[in-house]
Amino acid sequence: MTLNQGYSYRMVLGVDASGRSVLSYLASHFRHSTESQWQARLDCGEIFLEGCVAGGDELLCPGKVVVWNRPGWMEGATPQKYEVLYHDDDLLAVDKPSGLPTIPGAGYFQNTLLSLVQIDFPDARPLHRLGRATSGVVLFALNRKSAAALSRNWPLVQKQYQALGSGVASEETYDIHSPIGKHEHPVLGKVYAANPNGKASRSFARVVERREKCTLFEVDLHTGRPHQIRIHLAYIGHPLEGDPLYAVGGIPKVNQPGLPGDSGYWLHAKRLRFEHPSTGKLIEVHSPLPSILKSN
């Protein structure tokens, strides 16, 4: 466990804040803490409204700024190493281990891939992210020009994953188009899941190997929705083996629901293929598969 230096969360309020008190707004929008816990933070002077310490009763309106100066907290232990897969003056590709968050969030601030990479490459900025339990290739830009060019052309980047799904697949290929949007979750309020009213999404899965009670899939990601592969494989009846969050159908589990950052499943970003933003050269970066995701 590591004690970090704390962080200031800045929130510019939207229309949903109209007429709400500071305390009511914080408790309803950030359900990781109870109303009494938010009141304790207010009493300690951690919450500011428009630059002044808030007490909790102040009424809010759109456009106002609320800041939570969160004191340092103990972060969970994470892997502290990564491997460089590709590096030039514009780009950096690294191999992220499972268990290491890509960027700050969900209680992690310093123990992230971004923090580790920026020790060695201070100008690095991630062009995408992988879930904490997902391993494999993460691509960083090392300057603004490359970041802008690749971000603009990100839909053209070919992304391929290896995944271990539960159950034995009956088909050889699956072209999955289930839309992805917010869905009710008993702890977080809402999480991303299969939703007919969500955003258009596409994954193409191929069976690599059938095992006794599970299937090894290779998945091409054609869109980049949150948790897309986890949702899409669950949608076709093959949730990732050990996934604590998603059930068959691509919706959150009802009994003992997991959280998005919970581990227990196997998903690996094994290949990125893209046109270099400066040279136009075709670049292909591979990450070695974990042994459990290798076919026999």
Protein backbone atom coordinates (compact mmCIF):
# COMPACT_ATOMS: atom_id res chain seq x y z
CA MET A 1 0.00 0.00 0.00
CA THR A 2 1.26 3.48 -0.90
CA LEU A 3 0.23 6.85 0.57
CA ASN A 4 -0.06 9.34 -2.28
CA GLN A 5 0.06 13.14 -2.11
CA GLY A 6 -3.66 13.74 -2.59
CA TYR A 7 -5.52 15.30 -5.48
CA SER A 8 -7.88 18.19 -6.25
CA TYR A 9 -11.02 17.11 -8.13
CA ARG A 10 -12.57 20.04 -10.01
CA MET A 11 -16.21 19.86 -11.12
CA VAL A 12 -17.96 22.43 -13.32
CA LEU A 13 -21.65 21.97 -12.56
CA GLY A 14 -24.29 21.21 -15.17
CA VAL A 15 -28.05 21.75 -15.23
CA ASP A 16 -28.62 18.73 -12.97
CA ALA A 17 -27.13 20.74 -10.09
CA SER A 18 -29.88 23.40 -10.18
CA GLY A 19 -31.43 23.92 -6.76
CA ARG A 20 -29.41 21.15 -5.11
CA SER A 21 -27.33 21.66 -2.00
CA VAL A 22 -23.63 20.93 -2.10
CA LEU A 23 -24.09 17.94 0.20
CA SER A 24 -27.04 16.52 -1.73
CA TYR A 25 -25.22 16.88 -5.05
CA LEU A 26 -22.03 15.17 -3.85
CA ALA A 27 -23.87 12.29 -2.17
CA SER A 28 -26.10 11.58 -5.18
CA HIS A 29 -23.43 11.89 -7.87
CA PHE A 30 -20.54 10.10 -6.14
CA ARG A 31 -22.00 7.00 -4.58
CA HIS A 32 -18.67 5.59 -3.48
CA SER A 33 -19.27 7.59 -0.27
CA THR A 34 -22.32 8.05 1.95
CA GLU A 35 -23.91 11.39 2.79
CA SER A 36 -22.37 11.27 6.26
CA GLN A 37 -18.91 10.68 4.76
CA TRP A 38 -19.33 13.69 2.46
CA GLN A 39 -20.50 15.79 5.42
CA ALA A 40 -17.36 14.77 7.32
CA ARG A 41 -15.25 16.02 4.40
CA LEU A 42 -17.20 19.26 4.35
CA ASP A 43 -16.63 19.65 8.10
CA CYS A 44 -12.89 19.18 7.53
CA GLY A 45 -12.83 21.99 4.96
CA GLU A 46 -11.99 19.74 1.99
CA ILE A 47 -14.81 20.99 -0.27
CA PHE A 48 -14.73 24.42 -1.94
CA LEU A 49 -17.50 26.22 -3.83
CA GLU A 50 -16.34 29.08 -6.07
CA GLY A 51 -13.07 29.27 -4.14
CA CYS A 52 -14.65 29.37 -0.66
CA VAL A 53 -14.90 26.57 1.89
CA ALA A 54 -18.35 24.97 1.61
CA GLY A 55 -20.46 23.92 4.54
CA GLY A 56 -22.89 21.73 2.61
CA ASP A 57 -26.11 23.77 2.68
CA GLU A 58 -25.22 26.15 -0.16
CA LEU A 59 -27.54 25.94 -3.17
CA LEU A 60 -26.01 25.23 -6.55
CA CYS A 61 -26.61 26.35 -10.10
CA PRO A 62 -25.06 25.47 -13.49
CA GLY A 63 -21.62 26.88 -14.19
CA LYS A 64 -20.42 27.03 -10.59
CA VAL A 65 -17.23 25.19 -9.68
CA VAL A 66 -16.90 22.69 -6.85
CA VAL A 67 -13.45 21.43 -5.83
CA TRP A 68 -12.70 18.52 -3.55
CA ASN A 69 -9.16 18.78 -2.16
CA ARG A 70 -8.78 15.14 -1.30
CA PRO A 71 -5.98 14.46 1.20
CA GLY A 72 -3.43 11.74 0.50
CA TRP A 73 -4.85 8.23 0.68
CA MET A 74 -3.53 4.69 0.69
CA GLU A 75 -3.58 3.18 -2.79
CA GLY A 76 -3.79 -0.54 -3.42
CA ALA A 77 -0.65 -2.33 -4.48
CA THR A 78 -0.12 -2.69 -8.23
CA PRO A 79 2.62 -4.05 -10.52
CA GLN A 80 5.41 -1.48 -10.81
CA LYS A 81 7.06 -2.51 -14.07
CA TYR A 82 6.25 -2.28 -17.76
CA GLU A 83 8.09 -3.29 -20.93
CA VAL A 84 8.80 -1.04 -23.92
CA LEU A 85 7.56 -2.63 -27.16
CA TYR A 86 8.20 0.27 -29.57
CA HIS A 87 9.84 3.69 -29.22
CA ASP A 88 10.77 6.55 -31.56
CA ASP A 89 10.70 10.35 -31.37
CA ASP A 90 6.90 10.47 -31.73
CA LEU A 91 5.46 7.33 -30.21
CA LEU A 92 5.89 4.87 -27.38
CA ALA A 93 4.17 1.49 -27.09
CA VAL A 94 4.42 -0.42 -23.83
CA ASP A 95 3.27 -3.76 -22.45
CA LYS A 96 0.91 -3.15 -19.53
CA PRO A 97 0.67 -5.91 -16.92
CA SER A 98 -2.69 -7.05 -15.57
CA GLY A 99 -3.57 -5.32 -12.31
CA LEU A 100 -2.09 -1.93 -13.21
CA PRO A 101 -4.56 0.90 -14.02
CA THR A 102 -3.74 2.80 -17.21
CA ILE A 103 -4.65 6.24 -15.83
CA PRO A 104 -5.81 7.65 -12.46
CA GLY A 105 -9.28 6.67 -11.31
CA ALA A 106 -11.25 4.36 -9.00
CA GLY A 107 -8.98 5.05 -6.03
CA TYR A 108 -5.71 4.97 -7.95
CA PHE A 109 -3.63 8.09 -8.61
CA GLN A 110 0.10 7.34 -8.42
CA ASN A 111 0.04 3.55 -8.88
CA THR A 112 -0.82 3.76 -12.58
CA LEU A 113 0.86 2.98 -15.87
CA LEU A 114 0.81 6.69 -16.75
CA SER A 115 2.76 7.60 -13.61
CA LEU A 116 5.35 4.89 -14.24
CA VAL A 117 5.78 5.78 -17.92
CA GLN A 118 6.12 9.51 -17.22
CA ILE A 119 9.06 8.86 -14.92
CA ASP A 120 10.99 7.72 -18.00
CA PHE A 121 9.08 9.69 -20.67
CA PRO A 122 7.71 12.90 -19.06
CA ASP A 123 5.86 14.05 -22.22
CA ALA A 124 4.04 10.76 -22.79
CA ARG A 125 0.27 10.92 -23.04
CA PRO A 126 -1.88 7.78 -23.53
CA LEU A 127 -3.92 7.56 -26.73
CA HIS A 128 -6.29 4.96 -25.26
CA ARG A 129 -6.69 2.93 -22.12
CA LEU A 130 -7.05 -0.67 -21.03
CA GLY A 131 -9.03 -1.88 -18.04
CA ARG A 132 -7.01 -2.50 -14.90
CA ALA A 133 -7.17 -6.29 -15.27
CA THR A 134 -6.56 -6.20 -19.03
CA SER A 135 -2.95 -6.64 -20.14
CA GLY A 136 -1.16 -5.81 -23.35
CA VAL A 137 -0.27 -2.98 -25.72
CA VAL A 138 -0.87 0.64 -24.72
CA LEU A 139 0.18 3.37 -27.15
CA PHE A 140 1.46 6.81 -26.04
CA ALA A 141 2.18 9.95 -28.04
CA LEU A 142 5.36 11.83 -27.14
CA ASN A 143 4.38 15.20 -28.63
CA ARG A 144 1.22 17.17 -29.42
CA LYS A 145 1.46 16.76 -33.19
CA SER A 146 1.53 12.98 -33.00
CA ALA A 147 -1.20 12.93 -30.35
CA ALA A 148 -3.51 15.04 -32.51
CA ALA A 149 -2.84 13.04 -35.69
CA LEU A 150 -3.36 9.62 -34.12
CA SER A 151 -6.37 10.71 -32.08
CA ARG A 152 -7.96 12.00 -35.27
CA ASN A 153 -7.32 8.70 -37.06
CA TRP A 154 -7.88 6.39 -34.09
CA PRO A 155 -10.87 4.59 -35.70
CA LEU A 156 -8.44 3.41 -38.41
CA VAL A 157 -6.08 1.79 -35.91
CA GLN A 158 -6.47 -2.00 -35.99
CA LYS A 159 -6.85 -3.45 -32.50
CA GLN A 160 -6.74 -7.18 -31.79
CA TYR A 161 -7.26 -8.97 -28.48
CA GLN A 162 -7.11 -12.50 -27.08
CA ALA A 163 -9.81 -13.46 -24.57
CA LEU A 164 -10.89 -16.49 -22.58
CA GLY A 165 -14.68 -16.81 -22.67
CA SER A 166 -16.77 -19.12 -20.53
CA GLY A 167 -18.64 -21.99 -22.20
CA VAL A 168 -17.86 -23.82 -25.42
CA ALA A 169 -18.65 -21.79 -28.55
CA SER A 170 -20.91 -23.41 -31.14
CA GLU A 171 -19.90 -21.14 -34.04
CA GLU A 172 -16.51 -20.40 -35.58
CA THR A 173 -16.99 -16.62 -35.86
CA TYR A 174 -19.23 -13.99 -34.30
CA ASP A 175 -19.88 -10.55 -35.79
CA ILE A 176 -21.25 -8.71 -32.76
CA HIS A 177 -23.14 -5.43 -33.17
CA SER A 178 -24.92 -4.96 -29.83
CA PRO A 179 -25.13 -1.23 -28.93
CA ILE A 180 -23.46 -0.23 -25.67
CA GLY A 181 -24.83 2.33 -23.21
CA LYS A 182 -25.52 2.90 -19.53
CA HIS A 183 -27.38 0.23 -17.52
CA GLU A 184 -28.57 0.15 -13.92
CA HIS A 185 -26.04 -1.15 -11.38
CA PRO A 186 -26.94 -1.80 -7.71
CA VAL A 187 -23.74 -0.21 -6.33
CA LEU A 188 -22.59 2.41 -8.84
CA GLY A 189 -25.98 3.53 -10.10
CA LYS A 190 -25.09 2.93 -13.74
CA VAL A 191 -22.36 1.15 -15.70
CA TYR A 192 -21.77 0.47 -19.38
CA ALA A 193 -23.52 -2.64 -20.69
CA ALA A 194 -25.50 -3.98 -23.65
CA ASN A 195 -28.28 -1.47 -24.27
CA PRO A 196 -30.48 -1.25 -27.39
CA ASN A 197 -30.53 2.53 -26.96
CA GLY A 198 -26.75 2.80 -26.62
CA LYS A 199 -24.08 3.71 -29.15
CA ALA A 200 -23.39 1.53 -32.19
CA SER A 201 -20.61 -0.96 -31.47
CA ARG A 202 -18.91 -3.78 -33.34
CA SER A 203 -16.54 -6.59 -32.40
CA PHE A 204 -15.56 -9.57 -34.55
CA ALA A 205 -14.65 -12.72 -32.61
CA ARG A 206 -12.99 -15.86 -33.97
CA VAL A 207 -12.62 -19.13 -32.12
CA VAL A 208 -8.95 -19.98 -31.60
CA GLU A 209 -9.41 -23.03 -29.40
CA ARG A 210 -12.22 -24.86 -27.63
CA ARG A 211 -11.41 -26.16 -24.17
CA GLU A 212 -13.41 -28.35 -21.82
CA LYS A 213 -15.55 -25.56 -20.35
CA CYS A 214 -14.35 -22.40 -22.05
CA THR A 215 -13.31 -20.95 -25.42
CA LEU A 216 -10.24 -19.01 -26.47
CA PHE A 217 -11.25 -16.12 -28.75
CA GLU A 218 -9.35 -13.71 -30.96
CA VAL A 219 -11.28 -10.43 -31.14
CA ASP A 220 -10.95 -7.51 -33.54
CA LEU A 221 -12.25 -4.29 -32.04
CA HIS A 222 -13.95 -2.06 -34.63
CA THR A 223 -15.27 0.51 -32.15
CA GLY A 224 -13.91 1.54 -28.76
CA ARG A 225 -16.76 1.57 -26.26
CA PRO A 226 -15.98 1.07 -22.54
CA HIS A 227 -15.62 -2.63 -21.64
CA GLN A 228 -16.66 -3.50 -25.19
CA ILE A 229 -15.14 -6.98 -25.46
CA ARG A 230 -16.33 -7.99 -22.00
CA ILE A 231 -19.85 -6.83 -22.88
CA HIS A 232 -19.93 -8.27 -26.40
CA LEU A 233 -18.68 -11.75 -25.49
CA ALA A 234 -21.18 -11.83 -22.62
CA TYR A 235 -23.88 -10.68 -25.04
CA ILE A 236 -23.37 -13.77 -27.25
CA GLY A 237 -23.41 -16.06 -24.21
CA HIS A 238 -19.69 -16.31 -23.45
CA PRO A 239 -18.80 -13.88 -20.63
CA LEU A 240 -15.08 -13.74 -19.93
CA GLU A 241 -14.15 -16.63 -17.69
CA GLY A 242 -14.12 -15.26 -14.13
CA ASP A 243 -15.59 -11.85 -15.02
CA PRO A 244 -17.20 -10.54 -11.80
CA LEU A 245 -19.24 -7.84 -13.56
CA TYR A 246 -21.00 -9.08 -16.70
CA ALA A 247 -23.50 -11.91 -17.06
CA VAL A 248 -24.87 -13.65 -20.17
CA GLY A 249 -26.59 -11.01 -22.29
CA GLY A 250 -23.94 -8.36 -21.61
CA ILE A 251 -25.64 -6.86 -18.57
CA PRO A 252 -24.35 -6.51 -14.97
CA LYS A 253 -24.76 -9.44 -12.62
CA VAL A 254 -27.57 -9.03 -10.11
CA ASN A 255 -26.36 -11.34 -7.33
CA GLN A 256 -23.03 -10.29 -5.81
CA PRO A 257 -22.46 -7.65 -8.49
CA GLY A 258 -18.86 -6.83 -9.32
CA LEU A 259 -17.31 -3.47 -10.16
CA PRO A 260 -15.72 -2.48 -13.50
CA GLY A 261 -12.21 -2.54 -12.04
CA ASP A 262 -12.51 -5.94 -10.39
CA SER A 263 -10.16 -8.56 -11.77
CA GLY A 264 -10.50 -12.30 -12.23
CA TYR A 265 -10.83 -12.49 -16.02
CA TRP A 266 -8.31 -12.91 -18.86
CA LEU A 267 -8.22 -10.31 -21.65
CA HIS A 268 -5.08 -9.25 -23.52
CA ALA A 269 -4.48 -6.50 -26.10
CA LYS A 270 -2.09 -8.43 -28.31
CA ARG A 271 -1.71 -6.26 -31.45
CA LEU A 272 -2.00 -2.67 -32.69
CA ARG A 273 -1.51 -1.84 -36.38
CA PHE A 274 -1.49 1.76 -37.57
CA GLU A 275 0.04 4.28 -39.94
CA HIS A 276 2.85 6.29 -38.34
CA PRO A 277 1.71 9.93 -38.03
CA SER A 278 5.05 11.36 -39.23
CA THR A 279 6.47 8.85 -41.69
CA GLY A 280 3.32 7.20 -43.03
CA LYS A 281 5.00 3.84 -42.44
CA LEU A 282 2.78 0.95 -41.36
CA ILE A 283 3.64 0.03 -37.76
CA GLU A 284 2.58 -3.20 -36.08
CA VAL A 285 3.19 -3.71 -32.36
CA HIS A 286 2.75 -7.10 -30.67
CA SER A 287 2.55 -8.03 -27.01
CA PRO A 288 3.43 -11.60 -25.91
CA LEU A 289 0.43 -13.62 -24.77
CA PRO A 290 0.09 -14.79 -21.16
CA SER A 291 0.46 -18.55 -21.01
CA ILE A 292 -3.23 -19.13 -20.22
CA LEU A 293 -4.20 -17.37 -23.45
CA LYS A 294 -1.88 -19.39 -25.70
CA SER A 295 -3.42 -22.14 -27.82
CA ASN A 296 -2.11 -25.65 -27.40
